[in-house]
Amino acid sequence: MAEQTISSRAGVACMTCDNPDPCIYKISVTFGQNTQIWPEKPAIKMSLIDHGKGQKGTIQIETKCNNAAKHHAVLTGGQKEKTLEFNAPQEVTLFYKDQLADAEIESDLESVWFYLSNLANPTDIYSEPRYYKLITQGCLDSQQYATIAVYPSVSFMVS
């Protein structure tokens, strides 16, 4: 028998009070070997390290109903919001710093003195992480289900 998605209990006077949207069945967030699943975890929280090329992962949102016109999910945190499809795994790459297009690289270059001082005292190690938020709109409400913090990698070498 196929797996069935069960809704809230029948006969509940206020079925949406303090309950998640009944249309969202499961949200799975995977980065590397770490997978977190809602509703097994009430709030998905992950911490990732960006080694310069971003962190690649998968987000899958499964719904119980077919009212796709009202369903909407976005991943916020970068320069642009990424809209996610429902009921299919979505590949995402999260960065600590936004990736610049080739035309933007020249305008974003700092002075030589900035780079030399950053070698001696890297400012990234004191910075806050970049937070990505997964916000899902079901049939009834909009809710934040996941928060992903992306930190820069820092390494010191002595020669």
Protein backbone atom coordinates (compact mmCIF):
# COMPACT_ATOMS: atom_id res chain seq x y z
CA MET A 1 0.00 0.00 0.00
CA ALA A 2 1.30 3.45 -0.88
CA GLU A 3 2.32 5.85 1.88
CA GLN A 4 -0.59 8.09 2.87
CA THR A 5 -0.32 11.63 4.11
CA ILE A 6 -2.58 12.11 7.12
CA SER A 7 -4.10 15.49 7.98
CA SER A 8 -4.84 16.95 11.42
CA ARG A 9 -7.24 15.11 13.70
CA ALA A 10 -10.89 15.23 12.70
CA GLY A 11 -13.22 17.01 15.09
CA VAL A 12 -10.66 19.53 16.35
CA ALA A 13 -12.44 22.85 16.91
CA CYS A 14 -9.48 24.98 15.86
CA MET A 15 -7.29 22.79 13.72
CA THR A 16 -4.78 25.51 12.78
CA CYS A 17 -4.11 26.95 16.25
CA ASP A 18 -0.42 26.40 17.01
CA ASN A 19 -0.26 23.72 14.32
CA PRO A 20 1.75 23.96 11.14
CA ASP A 21 0.03 24.39 7.80
CA PRO A 22 -1.82 21.11 7.15
CA CYS A 23 -0.73 21.14 3.49
CA ILE A 24 3.00 20.83 4.23
CA TYR A 25 3.83 17.17 4.77
CA LYS A 26 7.62 17.08 5.00
CA ILE A 27 10.62 19.35 4.43
CA SER A 28 14.02 17.73 3.98
CA VAL A 29 17.25 19.77 3.96
CA THR A 30 20.51 17.97 3.08
CA PHE A 31 24.05 19.37 2.96
CA GLY A 32 26.87 16.82 2.76
CA GLN A 33 26.14 13.95 5.14
CA ASN A 34 23.82 16.09 7.31
CA THR A 35 20.07 15.71 6.69
CA GLN A 36 17.40 17.36 8.82
CA ILE A 37 13.69 16.71 8.35
CA TRP A 38 10.71 18.72 9.49
CA PRO A 39 8.41 17.75 11.34
CA GLU A 40 10.86 15.34 13.03
CA LYS A 41 12.71 18.52 14.06
CA PRO A 42 10.38 21.42 14.87
CA ALA A 43 12.84 23.98 13.42
CA ILE A 44 15.64 23.07 11.03
CA LYS A 45 18.90 24.85 11.93
CA MET A 46 22.17 24.14 10.12
CA SER A 47 25.64 25.66 10.18
CA LEU A 48 27.82 25.34 7.08
CA ILE A 49 31.34 26.46 6.14
CA ASP A 50 31.96 28.02 2.73
CA HIS A 51 35.46 27.19 1.49
CA GLY A 52 35.13 29.70 -1.36
CA LYS A 53 33.00 27.68 -3.77
CA GLY A 54 29.79 27.57 -1.72
CA GLN A 55 28.05 24.64 -0.09
CA LYS A 56 25.92 22.46 -2.36
CA GLY A 57 22.82 20.82 -0.98
CA THR A 58 19.27 19.70 -1.64
CA ILE A 59 15.96 20.98 -0.30
CA GLN A 60 12.76 19.01 -0.83
CA ILE A 61 9.31 20.22 0.23
CA GLU A 62 6.47 17.69 0.06
CA THR A 63 2.82 18.70 0.23
CA LYS A 64 -0.39 16.80 0.95
CA CYS A 65 -2.77 18.65 -1.33
CA ASN A 66 -2.67 19.59 -5.00
CA ASN A 67 -3.53 23.27 -4.56
CA ALA A 68 -0.31 24.40 -6.22
CA ALA A 69 -1.65 27.88 -6.99
CA LYS A 70 -1.41 28.86 -3.31
CA HIS A 71 1.85 27.06 -2.51
CA HIS A 72 5.05 29.07 -2.66
CA ALA A 73 8.52 28.62 -1.14
CA VAL A 74 11.54 30.92 -1.21
CA LEU A 75 15.08 30.66 0.07
CA THR A 76 16.23 34.14 1.14
CA GLY A 77 19.66 35.35 2.17
CA GLY A 78 21.67 36.06 -0.93
CA GLN A 79 21.44 38.83 -3.50
CA LYS A 80 18.38 37.16 -4.98
CA GLU A 81 15.60 35.04 -3.55
CA LYS A 82 15.45 31.54 -4.95
CA THR A 83 11.98 30.17 -5.59
CA LEU A 84 11.71 26.45 -4.83
CA GLU A 85 9.41 23.93 -6.48
CA PHE A 86 7.30 21.59 -4.38
CA ASN A 87 7.40 17.77 -4.45
CA ALA A 88 10.77 17.58 -6.21
CA PRO A 89 14.33 17.85 -4.85
CA GLN A 90 15.86 21.28 -5.52
CA GLU A 91 19.63 21.73 -5.80
CA VAL A 92 20.93 24.86 -4.06
CA THR A 93 24.38 26.37 -3.52
CA LEU A 94 24.79 28.67 -0.53
CA PHE A 95 27.65 31.17 -0.28
CA TYR A 96 29.09 33.22 2.56
CA LYS A 97 29.74 36.08 0.13
CA ASP A 98 27.72 36.71 -3.01
CA GLN A 99 29.31 35.52 -6.22
CA LEU A 100 30.01 38.43 -8.54
CA ALA A 101 29.43 38.46 -12.27
CA ASP A 102 32.50 39.18 -14.39
CA ALA A 103 31.33 42.76 -15.05
CA GLU A 104 30.95 43.46 -11.32
CA ILE A 105 34.40 42.21 -10.29
CA GLU A 106 36.30 45.35 -11.33
CA SER A 107 33.88 47.70 -9.57
CA ASP A 108 34.07 45.64 -6.36
CA LEU A 109 37.87 45.57 -6.08
CA GLU A 110 39.31 47.12 -2.93
CA SER A 111 42.59 49.01 -2.63
CA VAL A 112 45.89 47.14 -2.38
CA TRP A 113 46.26 48.35 1.22
CA PHE A 114 42.95 46.74 2.17
CA TYR A 115 44.17 43.35 0.90
CA LEU A 116 47.56 43.67 2.62
CA SER A 117 45.96 44.55 5.97
CA ASN A 118 43.47 41.71 5.54
CA LEU A 119 46.37 39.23 5.21
CA ALA A 120 47.67 40.19 8.64
CA ASN A 121 44.26 40.43 10.30
CA PRO A 122 41.49 38.73 8.28
CA THR A 123 38.24 40.61 8.88
CA ASP A 124 36.05 37.66 7.83
CA ILE A 125 36.77 35.77 11.04
CA TYR A 126 35.00 38.50 13.01
CA SER A 127 32.01 38.76 10.70
CA GLU A 128 28.56 37.37 11.30
CA PRO A 129 27.57 34.38 9.19
CA ARG A 130 25.21 34.81 6.27
CA TYR A 131 21.79 33.51 7.24
CA TYR A 132 19.54 31.82 4.70
CA LYS A 133 15.88 31.33 5.56
CA LEU A 134 13.44 28.87 4.00
CA ILE A 135 9.98 30.43 4.03
CA THR A 136 7.06 28.34 2.81
CA GLN A 137 3.54 29.51 1.97
CA GLY A 138 1.01 26.68 2.16
CA CYS A 139 -2.76 26.89 1.81
CA LEU A 140 -3.27 28.65 5.15
CA ASP A 141 -0.17 30.51 6.25
CA SER A 142 3.44 31.43 5.64
CA GLN A 143 6.07 30.01 7.98
CA GLN A 144 9.85 29.89 8.30
CA TYR A 145 10.85 26.23 8.53
CA ALA A 146 14.65 26.40 8.23
CA THR A 147 17.55 28.70 9.07
CA ILE A 148 20.96 27.95 7.57
CA ALA A 149 24.05 29.87 8.72
CA VAL A 150 27.00 29.95 6.30
CA TYR A 151 30.39 30.84 7.81
CA PRO A 152 33.62 31.64 5.94
CA SER A 153 36.50 29.21 6.15
CA VAL A 154 39.62 30.56 7.79
CA SER A 155 43.02 28.90 7.73
CA PHE A 156 46.37 30.03 9.04
CA MET A 157 49.61 28.69 7.63
CA VAL A 158 53.10 29.13 8.99
CA SER A 159 56.11 28.49 6.85
